[in-house]
Amino acid sequence: MGMEKSDLKLKRGAVIRFVDEEKGEMTEGLFIGPEDHSDFVVVPLSASMQQKKQGAPLHARCRARGGMVEFRSAIVEIIDHPVRLWRIKVPTEVSTFDLRDHKRIQCSVSADMEAVDKGQFVTGIIRDISKSGARCMFPRTEAADNVFELDQAITLRCTFPGIPGEQSSVGTITEILKSDAELSIGIQFTEAVWWVPPYH
């Protein structure tokens, strides 16, 4: 049984990130179709997502339309065989965020960067940052060389001046420049980072 069609068109295999607004956690799923977008069928990718029940509300974000989009949905049906799938409410109200043309701020802020799929982290310095990305410098060590790769999913954590508490953002490594002493790593954030100025 099909649902209302959406004007949000995703390719099969597109990553959808689900934000748990109570816990502040982000998990992922894969959009698998159908191609006419009359349904939205998603493969949940984490153990915590497996516990969600039919009717559970969803706050979703993904790349589309040349930027990031955000929408609210809910689980309409859970299919357990041959793998767990969700049919979710087709998004009909979608907000778009442009991640380009954000002003970069020069800084020197201590930060930890974790390789998400490896569970390893290295401490370095954020040299410049914008709402859509950052440039970080790390001492050239065997650990740093082995942890980070192009297209690596990462989590960046720091205490940012003027903002109380630890801040974090997820993203992808887009560039790695190596010298004898350090690694210079370019990061593109998955979504616009609220804690980086400007705040309007």
C-alpha atoms as a PDB file:
ATOM      1  CA  MET A   1       0.000   0.000   0.000  1.00  0.00           C
ATOM      2  CA  GLY A   2       1.615   3.258  -1.185  1.00  0.00           C
ATOM      3  CA  MET A   3       1.647   6.579   0.588  1.00  0.00           C
ATOM      4  CA  GLU A   4       1.548  10.176  -0.599  1.00  0.00           C
ATOM      5  CA  LYS A   5       4.433  10.997  -2.944  1.00  0.00           C
ATOM      6  CA  SER A   6       7.158  13.347  -1.772  1.00  0.00           C
ATOM      7  CA  ASP A   7       9.008  16.009  -3.723  1.00  0.00           C
ATOM      8  CA  LEU A   8      12.177  14.949  -1.867  1.00  0.00           C
ATOM      9  CA  LYS A   9      14.036  12.657  -4.244  1.00  0.00           C
ATOM     10  CA  LEU A  10      16.776  10.480  -2.793  1.00  0.00           C
ATOM     11  CA  LYS A  11      19.020   7.976  -4.507  1.00  0.00           C
ATOM     12  CA  ARG A  12      18.982   4.409  -3.280  1.00  0.00           C
ATOM     13  CA  GLY A  13      21.725   4.011  -0.706  1.00  0.00           C
ATOM     14  CA  ALA A  14      21.443   7.624   0.480  1.00  0.00           C
ATOM     15  CA  VAL A  15      22.338   8.008   4.154  1.00  0.00           C
ATOM     16  CA  ILE A  16      19.607   9.433   6.378  1.00  0.00           C
ATOM     17  CA  ARG A  17      20.660  10.612   9.831  1.00  0.00           C
ATOM     18  CA  PHE A  18      18.115  10.380  12.626  1.00  0.00           C
ATOM     19  CA  VAL A  19      18.497  12.785  15.545  1.00  0.00           C
ATOM     20  CA  ASP A  20      17.360  11.736  19.009  1.00  0.00           C
ATOM     21  CA  GLU A  21      16.382  15.137  20.374  1.00  0.00           C
ATOM     22  CA  GLU A  22      16.166  13.908  23.971  1.00  0.00           C
ATOM     23  CA  LYS A  23      19.575  12.209  24.097  1.00  0.00           C
ATOM     24  CA  GLY A  24      21.338  14.418  21.540  1.00  0.00           C
ATOM     25  CA  GLU A  25      22.499  11.318  19.672  1.00  0.00           C
ATOM     26  CA  MET A  26      22.616  10.740  15.937  1.00  0.00           C
ATOM     27  CA  THR A  27      22.100   7.379  14.217  1.00  0.00           C
ATOM     28  CA  GLU A  28      21.917   6.406  10.569  1.00  0.00           C
ATOM     29  CA  GLY A  29      19.779   4.524   8.095  1.00  0.00           C
ATOM     30  CA  LEU A  30      19.928   3.811   4.358  1.00  0.00           C
ATOM     31  CA  PHE A  31      17.146   4.803   1.961  1.00  0.00           C
ATOM     32  CA  ILE A  32      16.395   1.831  -0.309  1.00  0.00           C
ATOM     33  CA  GLY A  33      13.381   3.035  -2.250  1.00  0.00           C
ATOM     34  CA  PRO A  34      11.116   2.674  -3.997  1.00  0.00           C
ATOM     35  CA  GLU A  35      12.273   4.723  -6.980  1.00  0.00           C
ATOM     36  CA  ASP A  36       8.945   6.554  -7.405  1.00  0.00           C
ATOM     37  CA  HIS A  37       9.157   7.776  -3.776  1.00  0.00           C
ATOM     38  CA  SER A  38       5.582   6.754  -3.059  1.00  0.00           C
ATOM     39  CA  ASP A  39       7.035   5.026   0.004  1.00  0.00           C
ATOM     40  CA  PHE A  40      10.131   5.737   2.050  1.00  0.00           C
ATOM     41  CA  VAL A  41      11.764   2.455   3.073  1.00  0.00           C
ATOM     42  CA  VAL A  42      14.824   2.653   5.313  1.00  0.00           C
ATOM     43  CA  VAL A  43      17.316   0.102   6.643  1.00  0.00           C
ATOM     44  CA  PRO A  44      18.188   1.109  10.262  1.00  0.00           C
ATOM     45  CA  LEU A  45      21.935   0.731  10.836  1.00  0.00           C
ATOM     46  CA  SER A  46      22.446   0.817  14.604  1.00  0.00           C
ATOM     47  CA  ALA A  47      21.416  -1.378  17.503  1.00  0.00           C
ATOM     48  CA  SER A  48      19.643   1.493  19.275  1.00  0.00           C
ATOM     49  CA  MET A  49      17.463   2.051  16.208  1.00  0.00           C
ATOM     50  CA  GLN A  50      16.406  -1.603  16.259  1.00  0.00           C
ATOM     51  CA  GLN A  51      14.523  -0.915  19.505  1.00  0.00           C
ATOM     52  CA  LYS A  52      12.199   1.699  18.027  1.00  0.00           C
ATOM     53  CA  LYS A  53       8.532   0.773  17.696  1.00  0.00           C
ATOM     54  CA  GLN A  54       5.869   1.403  15.067  1.00  0.00           C
ATOM     55  CA  GLY A  55       4.590   4.961  15.378  1.00  0.00           C
ATOM     56  CA  ALA A  56       7.859   6.306  16.818  1.00  0.00           C
ATOM     57  CA  PRO A  57       8.512   9.907  15.681  1.00  0.00           C
ATOM     58  CA  LEU A  58      11.620  10.585  13.609  1.00  0.00           C
ATOM     59  CA  HIS A  59      13.662  13.747  13.105  1.00  0.00           C
ATOM     60  CA  ALA A  60      15.713  13.165   9.956  1.00  0.00           C
ATOM     61  CA  ARG A  61      18.466  14.927   8.030  1.00  0.00           C
ATOM     62  CA  CYS A  62      20.208  13.996   4.774  1.00  0.00           C
ATOM     63  CA  ARG A  63      22.074  15.406   1.809  1.00  0.00           C
ATOM     64  CA  ALA A  64      19.834  16.473  -1.066  1.00  0.00           C
ATOM     65  CA  ARG A  65      19.120  19.468  -3.293  1.00  0.00           C
ATOM     66  CA  GLY A  66      22.742  20.598  -3.184  1.00  0.00           C
ATOM     67  CA  GLY A  67      22.824  20.936   0.596  1.00  0.00           C
ATOM     68  CA  MET A  68      21.301  19.443   3.702  1.00  0.00           C
ATOM     69  CA  VAL A  69      17.591  18.841   4.179  1.00  0.00           C
ATOM     70  CA  GLU A  70      15.661  18.199   7.367  1.00  0.00           C
ATOM     71  CA  PHE A  71      12.222  16.684   7.874  1.00  0.00           C
ATOM     72  CA  ARG A  72      10.016  15.061  10.476  1.00  0.00           C
ATOM     73  CA  SER A  73       8.469  11.665   9.953  1.00  0.00           C
ATOM     74  CA  ALA A  74       7.347   8.560  11.845  1.00  0.00           C
ATOM     75  CA  ILE A  75       7.653   4.795  11.533  1.00  0.00           C
ATOM     76  CA  VAL A  76       4.565   3.523   9.703  1.00  0.00           C
ATOM     77  CA  GLU A  77       5.514  -0.155   9.582  1.00  0.00           C
ATOM     78  CA  ILE A  78       8.377  -2.381  10.725  1.00  0.00           C
ATOM     79  CA  ILE A  79       9.327  -5.328   8.504  1.00  0.00           C
ATOM     80  CA  ASP A  80      11.552  -7.965  10.137  1.00  0.00           C
ATOM     81  CA  HIS A  81      12.205 -10.395   7.287  1.00  0.00           C
ATOM     82  CA  PRO A  82      14.620 -10.937   5.595  1.00  0.00           C
ATOM     83  CA  VAL A  83      16.188  -7.904   7.336  1.00  0.00           C
ATOM     84  CA  ARG A  84      14.702  -5.196   9.532  1.00  0.00           C
ATOM     85  CA  LEU A  85      13.198  -2.411   7.428  1.00  0.00           C
ATOM     86  CA  TRP A  86      11.165   0.668   8.290  1.00  0.00           C
ATOM     87  CA  ARG A  87       8.436   2.149   6.164  1.00  0.00           C
ATOM     88  CA  ILE A  88       8.357   5.760   7.287  1.00  0.00           C
ATOM     89  CA  LYS A  89       5.886   8.533   6.680  1.00  0.00           C
ATOM     90  CA  VAL A  90       6.688  10.247   3.394  1.00  0.00           C
ATOM     91  CA  PRO A  91       8.207  13.695   4.087  1.00  0.00           C
ATOM     92  CA  THR A  92       5.988  16.404   2.622  1.00  0.00           C
ATOM     93  CA  GLU A  93       7.469  19.375   4.509  1.00  0.00           C
ATOM     94  CA  VAL A  94      11.216  19.618   3.982  1.00  0.00           C
ATOM     95  CA  SER A  95      13.594  22.385   5.103  1.00  0.00           C
ATOM     96  CA  THR A  96      16.776  23.016   3.098  1.00  0.00           C
ATOM     97  CA  PHE A  97      20.090  24.270   4.507  1.00  0.00           C
ATOM     98  CA  ASP A  98      22.887  25.559   2.277  1.00  0.00           C
ATOM     99  CA  LEU A  99      26.267  24.435   3.650  1.00  0.00           C
ATOM    100  CA  ARG A 100      28.298  26.578   1.253  1.00  0.00           C
ATOM    101  CA  ASP A 101      29.694  30.093   1.606  1.00  0.00           C
ATOM    102  CA  HIS A 102      30.085  30.055   5.372  1.00  0.00           C
ATOM    103  CA  LYS A 103      32.710  32.432   6.720  1.00  0.00           C
ATOM    104  CA  ARG A 104      35.800  30.732   8.120  1.00  0.00           C
ATOM    105  CA  ILE A 105      37.133  31.848  11.496  1.00  0.00           C
ATOM    106  CA  GLN A 106      40.842  31.610  12.297  1.00  0.00           C
ATOM    107  CA  CYS A 107      41.401  30.105  15.736  1.00  0.00           C
ATOM    108  CA  SER A 108      43.587  27.862  17.871  1.00  0.00           C
ATOM    109  CA  VAL A 109      41.250  25.574  19.776  1.00  0.00           C
ATOM    110  CA  SER A 110      42.250  22.203  21.242  1.00  0.00           C
ATOM    111  CA  ALA A 111      40.074  19.388  19.874  1.00  0.00           C
ATOM    112  CA  ASP A 112      39.733  15.616  19.801  1.00  0.00           C
ATOM    113  CA  MET A 113      38.873  13.930  16.515  1.00  0.00           C
ATOM    114  CA  GLU A 114      37.510  10.391  16.624  1.00  0.00           C
ATOM    115  CA  ALA A 115      37.439   7.967  13.717  1.00  0.00           C
ATOM    116  CA  VAL A 116      33.859   6.753  14.102  1.00  0.00           C
ATOM    117  CA  ASP A 117      34.223   3.222  12.702  1.00  0.00           C
ATOM    118  CA  LYS A 118      37.573   2.610  14.448  1.00  0.00           C
ATOM    119  CA  GLY A 119      36.757   4.021  17.882  1.00  0.00           C
ATOM    120  CA  GLN A 120      40.146   5.766  18.022  1.00  0.00           C
ATOM    121  CA  PHE A 121      40.851   9.453  18.560  1.00  0.00           C
ATOM    122  CA  VAL A 122      43.729  11.905  18.267  1.00  0.00           C
ATOM    123  CA  THR A 123      44.120  15.300  19.951  1.00  0.00           C
ATOM    124  CA  GLY A 124      45.065  18.327  17.879  1.00  0.00           C
ATOM    125  CA  ILE A 125      44.229  21.963  17.148  1.00  0.00           C
ATOM    126  CA  ILE A 126      41.423  23.537  15.107  1.00  0.00           C
ATOM    127  CA  ARG A 127      43.141  26.182  12.949  1.00  0.00           C
ATOM    128  CA  ASP A 128      40.058  27.498  11.202  1.00  0.00           C
ATOM    129  CA  ILE A 129      36.379  26.631  11.314  1.00  0.00           C
ATOM    130  CA  SER A 130      33.049  27.565   9.747  1.00  0.00           C
ATOM    131  CA  LYS A 131      29.535  26.250  10.133  1.00  0.00           C
ATOM    132  CA  SER A 132      30.216  23.781   7.313  1.00  0.00           C
ATOM    133  CA  GLY A 133      33.763  22.593   7.946  1.00  0.00           C
ATOM    134  CA  ALA A 134      37.119  22.942   9.665  1.00  0.00           C
ATOM    135  CA  ARG A 135      40.864  22.621   9.216  1.00  0.00           C
ATOM    136  CA  CYS A 136      42.629  20.729  12.007  1.00  0.00           C
ATOM    137  CA  MET A 137      46.299  20.160  12.681  1.00  0.00           C
ATOM    138  CA  PHE A 138      47.622  17.025  14.397  1.00  0.00           C
ATOM    139  CA  PRO A 139      51.171  16.037  15.397  1.00  0.00           C
ATOM    140  CA  ARG A 140      52.611  13.520  12.931  1.00  0.00           C
ATOM    141  CA  THR A 141      52.551  10.217  14.815  1.00  0.00           C
ATOM    142  CA  GLU A 142      52.089   6.617  13.807  1.00  0.00           C
ATOM    143  CA  ALA A 143      48.696   6.619  15.553  1.00  0.00           C
ATOM    144  CA  ALA A 144      47.475   9.668  13.631  1.00  0.00           C
ATOM    145  CA  ASP A 145      48.744   8.270  10.314  1.00  0.00           C
ATOM    146  CA  ASN A 146      46.912   4.999  10.914  1.00  0.00           C
ATOM    147  CA  VAL A 147      43.629   6.402  12.219  1.00  0.00           C
ATOM    148  CA  PHE A 148      42.588   8.882   9.541  1.00  0.00           C
ATOM    149  CA  GLU A 149      41.796   8.309   5.857  1.00  0.00           C
ATOM    150  CA  LEU A 150      40.010  10.240   3.104  1.00  0.00           C
ATOM    151  CA  ASP A 151      36.213   9.925   3.359  1.00  0.00           C
ATOM    152  CA  GLN A 152      36.595   8.735   6.962  1.00  0.00           C
ATOM    153  CA  ALA A 153      33.557   9.494   9.122  1.00  0.00           C
ATOM    154  CA  ILE A 154      34.681  11.463  12.171  1.00  0.00           C
ATOM    155  CA  THR A 155      33.387  13.168  15.287  1.00  0.00           C
ATOM    156  CA  LEU A 156      35.098  16.423  16.282  1.00  0.00           C
ATOM    157  CA  ARG A 157      34.864  17.460  19.958  1.00  0.00           C
ATOM    158  CA  CYS A 158      36.075  20.659  21.583  1.00  0.00           C
ATOM    159  CA  THR A 159      35.327  23.356  24.144  1.00  0.00           C
ATOM    160  CA  PHE A 160      34.612  26.379  21.960  1.00  0.00           C
ATOM    161  CA  PRO A 161      35.287  29.884  23.331  1.00  0.00           C
ATOM    162  CA  GLY A 162      32.151  31.547  24.671  1.00  0.00           C
ATOM    163  CA  ILE A 163      30.024  28.366  24.572  1.00  0.00           C
ATOM    164  CA  PRO A 164      29.654  26.421  27.851  1.00  0.00           C
ATOM    165  CA  GLY A 165      30.381  22.695  27.875  1.00  0.00           C
ATOM    166  CA  GLU A 166      31.840  20.358  25.266  1.00  0.00           C
ATOM    167  CA  GLN A 167      30.622  20.750  21.695  1.00  0.00           C
ATOM    168  CA  SER A 168      30.729  18.108  18.990  1.00  0.00           C
ATOM    169  CA  SER A 169      29.978  17.683  15.327  1.00  0.00           C
ATOM    170  CA  VAL A 170      30.098  14.773  12.903  1.00  0.00           C
ATOM    171  CA  GLY A 171      31.609  15.012   9.457  1.00  0.00           C
ATOM    172  CA  THR A 172      33.855  13.500   6.797  1.00  0.00           C
ATOM    173  CA  ILE A 173      37.552  13.945   6.047  1.00  0.00           C
ATOM    174  CA  THR A 174      37.909  15.629   2.656  1.00  0.00           C
ATOM    175  CA  GLU A 175      41.666  16.321   2.591  1.00  0.00           C
ATOM    176  CA  ILE A 176      44.827  15.095   4.310  1.00  0.00           C
ATOM    177  CA  LEU A 177      48.078  17.035   3.852  1.00  0.00           C
ATOM    178  CA  LYS A 178      51.226  15.564   5.398  1.00  0.00           C
ATOM    179  CA  SER A 179      54.476  17.203   6.435  1.00  0.00           C
ATOM    180  CA  ASP A 180      57.318  15.753   8.487  1.00  0.00           C
ATOM    181  CA  ALA A 181      55.879  17.214  11.689  1.00  0.00           C
ATOM    182  CA  GLU A 182      52.117  17.302  11.320  1.00  0.00           C
ATOM    183  CA  LEU A 183      48.938  16.329   9.533  1.00  0.00           C
ATOM    184  CA  SER A 184      46.619  19.010   8.163  1.00  0.00           C
ATOM    185  CA  ILE A 185      43.113  17.565   7.865  1.00  0.00           C
ATOM    186  CA  GLY A 186      40.155  19.177   6.116  1.00  0.00           C
ATOM    187  CA  ILE A 187      36.710  18.263   7.419  1.00  0.00           C
ATOM    188  CA  GLN A 188      33.265  18.796   5.940  1.00  0.00           C
ATOM    189  CA  PHE A 189      30.525  18.695   8.562  1.00  0.00           C
ATOM    190  CA  THR A 190      27.409  16.642   7.948  1.00  0.00           C
ATOM    191  CA  GLU A 191      25.211  19.599   8.846  1.00  0.00           C
ATOM    192  CA  ALA A 192      25.645  23.268   9.700  1.00  0.00           C
ATOM    193  CA  VAL A 193      27.182  23.625  13.170  1.00  0.00           C
ATOM    194  CA  TRP A 194      25.156  25.946  15.399  1.00  0.00           C
ATOM    195  CA  TRP A 195      27.956  26.689  17.892  1.00  0.00           C
ATOM    196  CA  VAL A 196      30.226  28.348  15.316  1.00  0.00           C
ATOM    197  CA  PRO A 197      29.643  32.112  14.810  1.00  0.00           C
ATOM    198  CA  PRO A 198      27.829  34.030  13.416  1.00  0.00           C
ATOM    199  CA  TYR A 199      24.843  33.339  15.652  1.00  0.00           C
ATOM    200  CA  HIS A 200      22.081  34.875  13.542  1.00  0.00           C
END
